[in-house]
Every structure is written in C-alpha cells, then in structure tokens.
Amino acid sequence: MIKVYCYDRCSTCKKALAWLDSKKISYEKIDIKGDHPDEASLRAFHKKSGLPLKRFFNTSGMLYRENQLSKKLPSMSEDQQFKL
C-alpha cells in the first residue's frame, strides 16, 4: 500500500485521490498538516521523484508567502531547504 500525504483543501490532492480511487489502488491517506514527513523521508521522496526540490514546497501556502520563500530558496543550500 502506498502512502499519500494530503491536505484536505488542496484540489490537486483531491484529484490524485480520485484518480487512485478510480484505478482501485489502495493507499493510506496521511494529513500532511498533522503528520509532517521527517527530513529523511523528504530526502527519499525527493531522490525517487527526480523533481527539483522546490517542487516540494507549497507555493500557494501562507507560510511560503509570509516567509518570502520565493526570494530565499534560490540562495539556500539543499540541506537548508530540507530543514525547512
């Protein structure tokens, strides 16, 4: 069974879960706000995904905007980004 970290109000998360349901793929839904993945898990997800690390940030979220991460992330090391 796969683990799916979701935010209930996220439309992308809802679409992903609907797709999994339509394919009858079983999953464990994890509330990302209440149960954050640890740094080791994030590193593993990042490595497996092949995506840029910035794709793991919720650019629509309040914390992202309040902390002006769009300006800060480019000058941060990957280690610093993972610690966020």
N, C-alpha and C. Protein backbone atom coordinates (compact mmCIF):
# COMPACT_ATOMS: atom_id res chain seq x y z
N MET A 1 0.85 -1.18 0.00
CA MET A 1 0.00 0.00 0.00
C MET A 1 0.90 1.24 0.00
N ILE A 2 0.48 2.23 -0.78
CA ILE A 2 1.26 3.45 -0.84
C ILE A 2 0.73 4.46 0.18
N LYS A 3 1.63 5.36 0.58
CA LYS A 3 1.25 6.45 1.48
C LYS A 3 1.08 7.70 0.63
N VAL A 4 0.01 8.43 0.90
CA VAL A 4 -0.27 9.66 0.17
C VAL A 4 -0.43 10.78 1.19
N TYR A 5 0.52 11.72 1.17
CA TYR A 5 0.43 12.88 2.05
C TYR A 5 -0.48 13.89 1.38
N CYS A 6 -1.53 14.30 2.08
CA CYS A 6 -2.53 15.20 1.51
C CYS A 6 -2.90 16.34 2.45
N TYR A 7 -3.38 17.37 1.82
CA TYR A 7 -4.01 18.49 2.53
C TYR A 7 -5.45 18.51 2.03
N ASP A 8 -6.39 18.35 2.92
CA ASP A 8 -7.79 18.17 2.54
C ASP A 8 -8.36 19.27 1.65
N ARG A 9 -7.86 20.48 1.75
CA ARG A 9 -8.40 21.58 0.96
C ARG A 9 -7.65 21.78 -0.36
N CYS A 10 -6.72 20.90 -0.66
CA CYS A 10 -5.91 21.02 -1.88
C CYS A 10 -6.61 20.32 -3.04
N SER A 11 -6.87 21.05 -4.11
CA SER A 11 -7.56 20.47 -5.26
C SER A 11 -6.69 19.43 -5.97
N THR A 12 -5.40 19.63 -5.99
CA THR A 12 -4.50 18.65 -6.61
C THR A 12 -4.53 17.34 -5.83
N CYS A 13 -4.54 17.44 -4.51
CA CYS A 13 -4.63 16.24 -3.67
C CYS A 13 -5.94 15.50 -3.93
N LYS A 14 -7.02 16.25 -4.02
CA LYS A 14 -8.34 15.64 -4.27
C LYS A 14 -8.35 14.91 -5.61
N LYS A 15 -7.73 15.52 -6.62
CA LYS A 15 -7.67 14.89 -7.94
C LYS A 15 -6.83 13.62 -7.89
N ALA A 16 -5.72 13.66 -7.18
CA ALA A 16 -4.86 12.49 -7.07
C ALA A 16 -5.58 11.34 -6.38
N LEU A 17 -6.28 11.64 -5.30
CA LEU A 17 -7.03 10.59 -4.59
C LEU A 17 -8.16 10.04 -5.45
N ALA A 18 -8.83 10.90 -6.21
CA ALA A 18 -9.90 10.45 -7.09
C ALA A 18 -9.34 9.52 -8.17
N TRP A 19 -8.15 9.85 -8.68
CA TRP A 19 -7.52 9.01 -9.69
C TRP A 19 -7.18 7.65 -9.10
N LEU A 20 -6.58 7.65 -7.91
CA LEU A 20 -6.25 6.38 -7.25
C LEU A 20 -7.51 5.55 -7.01
N ASP A 21 -8.57 6.20 -6.55
CA ASP A 21 -9.85 5.51 -6.32
C ASP A 21 -10.40 4.92 -7.62
N SER A 22 -10.32 5.68 -8.70
CA SER A 22 -10.85 5.21 -9.99
C SER A 22 -10.09 4.00 -10.51
N LYS A 23 -8.82 3.91 -10.14
CA LYS A 23 -7.98 2.78 -10.57
C LYS A 23 -7.98 1.65 -9.54
N LYS A 24 -8.76 1.87 -8.47
CA LYS A 24 -8.86 0.89 -7.38
C LYS A 24 -7.49 0.57 -6.77
N ILE A 25 -6.69 1.61 -6.63
CA ILE A 25 -5.37 1.49 -6.00
C ILE A 25 -5.53 1.85 -4.53
N SER A 26 -5.14 0.93 -3.66
CA SER A 26 -5.29 1.21 -2.23
C SER A 26 -4.15 2.11 -1.76
N TYR A 27 -4.47 2.94 -0.80
CA TYR A 27 -3.49 3.89 -0.27
C TYR A 27 -3.83 4.22 1.17
N GLU A 28 -2.83 4.72 1.84
CA GLU A 28 -3.01 5.25 3.19
C GLU A 28 -2.91 6.76 3.08
N LYS A 29 -3.99 7.45 3.40
CA LYS A 29 -4.02 8.91 3.33
C LYS A 29 -3.47 9.48 4.64
N ILE A 30 -2.50 10.37 4.52
CA ILE A 30 -1.87 10.98 5.68
C ILE A 30 -2.06 12.49 5.60
N ASP A 31 -2.58 13.08 6.66
CA ASP A 31 -2.79 14.54 6.71
C ASP A 31 -1.43 15.21 6.89
N ILE A 32 -0.99 15.89 5.87
CA ILE A 32 0.35 16.49 5.89
C ILE A 32 0.48 17.62 6.91
N LYS A 33 -0.64 18.25 7.25
CA LYS A 33 -0.58 19.32 8.27
C LYS A 33 -0.38 18.73 9.67
N GLY A 34 -0.97 17.59 9.91
CA GLY A 34 -0.89 16.99 11.24
C GLY A 34 0.24 15.99 11.40
N ASP A 35 0.72 15.45 10.29
CA ASP A 35 1.74 14.41 10.34
C ASP A 35 2.77 14.68 9.25
N HIS A 36 3.65 15.65 9.51
CA HIS A 36 4.67 16.04 8.53
C HIS A 36 5.66 14.90 8.31
N PRO A 37 6.08 14.70 7.07
CA PRO A 37 7.16 13.73 6.84
C PRO A 37 8.46 14.29 7.44
N ASP A 38 9.27 13.40 7.97
CA ASP A 38 10.54 13.86 8.54
C ASP A 38 11.55 14.13 7.43
N GLU A 39 12.69 14.67 7.81
CA GLU A 39 13.69 15.06 6.81
C GLU A 39 14.18 13.87 6.01
N ALA A 40 14.40 12.73 6.66
CA ALA A 40 14.88 11.54 5.96
C ALA A 40 13.86 11.09 4.91
N SER A 41 12.58 11.13 5.26
CA SER A 41 11.54 10.76 4.30
C SER A 41 11.50 11.73 3.13
N LEU A 42 11.60 13.02 3.42
CA LEU A 42 11.60 14.02 2.35
C LEU A 42 12.77 13.80 1.40
N ARG A 43 13.92 13.50 1.96
CA ARG A 43 15.10 13.24 1.12
C ARG A 43 14.86 12.03 0.22
N ALA A 44 14.25 11.00 0.77
CA ALA A 44 13.95 9.79 -0.01
C ALA A 44 12.93 10.10 -1.10
N PHE A 45 11.86 10.85 -0.77
CA PHE A 45 10.85 11.22 -1.76
C PHE A 45 11.49 12.03 -2.90
N HIS A 46 12.33 12.97 -2.51
CA HIS A 46 12.99 13.83 -3.49
C HIS A 46 13.85 12.99 -4.43
N LYS A 47 14.62 12.09 -3.87
CA LYS A 47 15.52 11.26 -4.68
C LYS A 47 14.72 10.39 -5.66
N LYS A 48 13.65 9.77 -5.18
CA LYS A 48 12.83 8.90 -6.03
C LYS A 48 12.09 9.69 -7.11
N SER A 49 11.70 10.91 -6.80
CA SER A 49 10.86 11.68 -7.72
C SER A 49 11.62 12.20 -8.94
N GLY A 50 12.88 12.55 -8.75
CA GLY A 50 13.64 13.17 -9.83
C GLY A 50 13.24 14.62 -10.09
N LEU A 51 12.38 15.15 -9.22
CA LEU A 51 11.91 16.53 -9.37
C LEU A 51 12.84 17.50 -8.68
N PRO A 52 12.83 18.76 -9.09
CA PRO A 52 13.60 19.78 -8.35
C PRO A 52 13.02 19.90 -6.93
N LEU A 53 13.88 20.17 -5.99
CA LEU A 53 13.46 20.27 -4.59
C LEU A 53 12.39 21.34 -4.38
N LYS A 54 12.44 22.41 -5.14
CA LYS A 54 11.46 23.49 -4.97
C LYS A 54 10.03 23.01 -5.22
N ARG A 55 9.86 21.91 -5.94
CA ARG A 55 8.51 21.38 -6.20
C ARG A 55 7.87 20.79 -4.95
N PHE A 56 8.65 20.60 -3.90
CA PHE A 56 8.12 20.04 -2.66
C PHE A 56 7.58 21.12 -1.72
N PHE A 57 7.67 22.37 -2.13
CA PHE A 57 7.16 23.47 -1.32
C PHE A 57 5.78 23.87 -1.81
N ASN A 58 4.89 24.17 -0.87
CA ASN A 58 3.54 24.64 -1.21
C ASN A 58 3.62 26.13 -1.49
N THR A 59 3.82 26.45 -2.74
CA THR A 59 4.00 27.86 -3.12
C THR A 59 2.72 28.68 -2.97
N SER A 60 1.60 28.01 -2.75
CA SER A 60 0.33 28.73 -2.53
C SER A 60 0.04 28.92 -1.05
N GLY A 61 0.85 28.32 -0.20
CA GLY A 61 0.60 28.36 1.23
C GLY A 61 0.97 29.68 1.88
N MET A 62 0.30 29.95 3.00
CA MET A 62 0.56 31.20 3.72
C MET A 62 1.99 31.28 4.24
N LEU A 63 2.50 30.18 4.80
CA LEU A 63 3.85 30.20 5.35
C LEU A 63 4.89 30.49 4.27
N TYR A 64 4.67 29.92 3.10
CA TYR A 64 5.58 30.17 1.98
C TYR A 64 5.61 31.66 1.65
N ARG A 65 4.43 32.24 1.58
CA ARG A 65 4.35 33.67 1.24
C ARG A 65 4.82 34.56 2.39
N GLU A 66 4.39 34.24 3.61
CA GLU A 66 4.78 35.06 4.77
C GLU A 66 6.29 35.09 4.96
N ASN A 67 6.94 33.95 4.70
CA ASN A 67 8.39 33.87 4.87
C ASN A 67 9.17 34.24 3.61
N GLN A 68 8.44 34.70 2.60
CA GLN A 68 9.04 35.13 1.33
C GLN A 68 10.03 34.10 0.79
N LEU A 69 9.60 32.84 0.81
CA LEU A 69 10.49 31.77 0.40
C LEU A 69 10.83 31.81 -1.09
N SER A 70 9.97 32.43 -1.89
CA SER A 70 10.29 32.53 -3.32
C SER A 70 11.58 33.31 -3.52
N LYS A 71 11.88 34.23 -2.62
CA LYS A 71 13.11 35.03 -2.71
C LYS A 71 14.27 34.33 -2.01
N LYS A 72 13.99 33.55 -0.97
CA LYS A 72 15.04 32.94 -0.16
C LYS A 72 15.54 31.60 -0.68
N LEU A 73 14.64 30.78 -1.23
CA LEU A 73 15.03 29.43 -1.64
C LEU A 73 16.18 29.38 -2.63
N PRO A 74 16.22 30.26 -3.64
CA PRO A 74 17.31 30.15 -4.62
C PRO A 74 18.70 30.27 -4.03
N SER A 75 18.83 30.99 -2.92
CA SER A 75 20.16 31.17 -2.33
C SER A 75 20.44 30.18 -1.18
N MET A 76 19.48 29.31 -0.90
CA MET A 76 19.66 28.34 0.18
C MET A 76 20.22 27.03 -0.36
N SER A 77 21.01 26.36 0.46
CA SER A 77 21.52 25.04 0.08
C SER A 77 20.38 24.02 0.19
N GLU A 78 20.59 22.85 -0.41
CA GLU A 78 19.58 21.80 -0.30
C GLU A 78 19.39 21.40 1.16
N ASP A 79 20.46 21.33 1.92
CA ASP A 79 20.35 20.97 3.34
C ASP A 79 19.47 21.96 4.08
N GLN A 80 19.64 23.24 3.81
CA GLN A 80 18.82 24.26 4.46
C GLN A 80 17.35 24.12 4.05
N GLN A 81 17.12 23.82 2.79
CA GLN A 81 15.75 23.66 2.31
C GLN A 81 15.08 22.44 2.95
N PHE A 82 15.81 21.35 3.07
CA PHE A 82 15.24 20.16 3.70
C PHE A 82 14.90 20.42 5.16
N LYS A 83 15.68 21.24 5.83
CA LYS A 83 15.42 21.53 7.24
C LYS A 83 14.15 22.35 7.43
N LEU A 84 13.78 23.13 6.40
CA LEU A 84 12.53 23.90 6.47
C LEU A 84 11.35 22.98 6.58
